[in-house]
Amino acid sequence: VWVVGYPPQQQQPYPPPAGPPPQYHPQPTTQTTTTYTTVVQPVMQSVRFGRDPVMNTCRFCQFSGPTVVEYEASTGTWIMVGGLFFFGFWICCFVPLCIDGCKDAVHV
């Protein structure tokens, strides 16, 4: 019986160590100073005026007078239009666009 294989190989010896391990040299410490600055910013409060004109003072020009209310169709208005159309009221589905109570009040 013939066994075909590789001829035996000699194992390579490990190389000798390269020398002593490297020395650790600690870096000189430096001291840092941190300065913090506190900035106070005024808080802008959001005021909800509602649907009626109100007396207001402009924070930029100090004008004091009533606001002008304009009504704009909002997402809710368009949802009402779509709902009326979807449920078969296509003849009157655009009525919410004519009623100020269905729109958002914007103070100018």
Protein backbone atom coordinates (compact mmCIF):
# COMPACT_ATOMS: atom_id res chain seq x y z
CA VAL A 1 0.00 0.00 0.00
CA TRP A 2 1.38 3.33 -1.03
CA VAL A 3 0.50 6.42 0.98
CA VAL A 4 0.76 9.63 -0.93
CA GLY A 5 1.37 12.72 1.15
CA TYR A 6 3.67 15.55 1.82
CA PRO A 7 7.15 14.92 3.05
CA PRO A 8 7.62 15.69 6.74
CA GLN A 9 8.71 19.26 7.38
CA GLN A 10 10.78 20.57 10.20
CA GLN A 11 9.13 23.05 12.49
CA GLN A 12 10.67 26.52 12.45
CA PRO A 13 12.03 27.65 15.84
CA TYR A 14 10.65 30.89 17.32
CA PRO A 15 12.90 33.91 16.70
CA PRO A 16 14.83 35.17 19.72
CA PRO A 17 13.28 38.14 21.59
CA ALA A 18 14.08 41.55 20.09
CA GLY A 19 15.40 42.99 23.31
CA PRO A 20 14.10 44.50 26.53
CA PRO A 21 10.53 45.91 26.50
CA PRO A 22 10.20 49.65 25.76
CA GLN A 23 10.46 51.98 28.73
CA TYR A 24 7.47 54.08 29.79
CA HIS A 25 8.22 57.79 30.13
CA PRO A 26 5.27 59.69 31.61
CA GLN A 27 4.48 63.00 29.93
CA PRO A 28 4.74 66.12 32.04
CA THR A 29 1.31 67.25 33.19
CA THR A 30 -0.06 70.61 32.15
CA GLN A 31 -2.73 72.43 34.08
CA THR A 32 -5.61 73.95 32.12
CA THR A 33 -8.08 76.54 33.30
CA THR A 34 -11.63 76.57 31.96
CA THR A 35 -13.70 79.74 32.10
CA TYR A 36 -17.48 79.57 31.74
CA THR A 37 -19.59 82.51 30.64
CA THR A 38 -23.27 82.62 31.49
CA VAL A 39 -25.53 84.35 28.98
CA VAL A 40 -29.02 85.33 30.09
CA GLN A 41 -31.55 85.41 27.30
CA PRO A 42 -35.05 86.82 27.64
CA VAL A 43 -37.85 84.29 27.40
CA MET A 44 -40.41 85.00 24.72
CA GLN A 45 -43.84 83.93 25.89
CA SER A 46 -46.35 82.75 23.35
CA VAL A 47 -49.64 84.59 23.74
CA ARG A 48 -52.81 83.14 22.29
CA PHE A 49 -55.08 85.98 21.23
CA GLY A 50 -58.18 84.02 20.23
CA ARG A 51 -60.57 84.95 17.43
CA ASP A 52 -61.27 88.59 18.35
CA PRO A 53 -59.02 91.67 17.93
CA VAL A 54 -57.09 92.60 21.09
CA MET A 55 -55.03 95.59 22.22
CA ASN A 56 -51.35 94.86 21.83
CA THR A 57 -48.04 96.75 22.06
CA CYS A 58 -45.41 96.02 19.43
CA ARG A 59 -42.16 94.93 21.07
CA PHE A 60 -40.10 96.50 18.26
CA CYS A 61 -41.68 99.91 17.58
CA GLN A 62 -43.75 100.23 20.81
CA PHE A 63 -46.92 100.97 18.82
CA SER A 64 -50.01 100.26 20.88
CA GLY A 65 -53.25 99.41 19.07
CA PRO A 66 -55.71 96.70 18.20
CA THR A 67 -54.64 93.72 16.13
CA VAL A 68 -56.19 92.98 12.76
CA VAL A 69 -57.61 89.47 12.47
CA GLU A 70 -57.40 87.61 9.17
CA TYR A 71 -58.80 84.12 8.67
CA GLU A 72 -56.87 81.47 6.76
CA ALA A 73 -57.88 77.97 5.72
CA SER A 74 -55.95 75.45 7.78
CA THR A 75 -55.37 71.73 7.62
CA GLY A 76 -58.50 71.20 9.69
CA THR A 77 -60.54 73.20 7.19
CA TRP A 78 -59.35 71.00 4.33
CA ILE A 79 -60.07 67.85 6.36
CA MET A 80 -63.67 69.07 6.77
CA VAL A 81 -63.90 69.70 3.01
CA GLY A 82 -62.57 66.20 2.28
CA GLY A 83 -64.88 64.61 4.85
CA LEU A 84 -67.97 66.26 3.40
CA PHE A 85 -66.94 65.22 -0.11
CA PHE A 86 -66.19 61.64 1.00
CA PHE A 87 -69.56 61.19 2.71
CA GLY A 88 -71.47 62.35 -0.37
CA PHE A 89 -72.03 66.03 0.39
CA TRP A 90 -70.03 67.11 -2.68
CA ILE A 91 -72.46 69.94 -3.44
CA CYS A 92 -71.77 71.70 -0.13
CA CYS A 93 -68.26 70.38 0.62
CA PHE A 94 -66.66 73.82 0.08
CA VAL A 95 -68.83 75.58 2.69
CA PRO A 96 -66.08 75.33 5.41
CA LEU A 97 -63.90 77.55 3.19
CA CYS A 98 -66.55 80.32 3.46
CA ILE A 99 -67.11 80.17 7.24
CA ASP A 100 -64.59 82.05 9.43
CA GLY A 101 -65.35 79.71 12.35
CA CYS A 102 -63.83 76.82 10.39
CA LYS A 103 -60.60 78.71 9.66
CA ASP A 104 -57.58 79.73 11.76
CA ALA A 105 -57.53 83.31 13.09
CA VAL A 106 -54.23 85.07 12.35
CA HIS A 107 -53.51 88.38 14.14
CA VAL A 108 -51.58 90.89 12.05
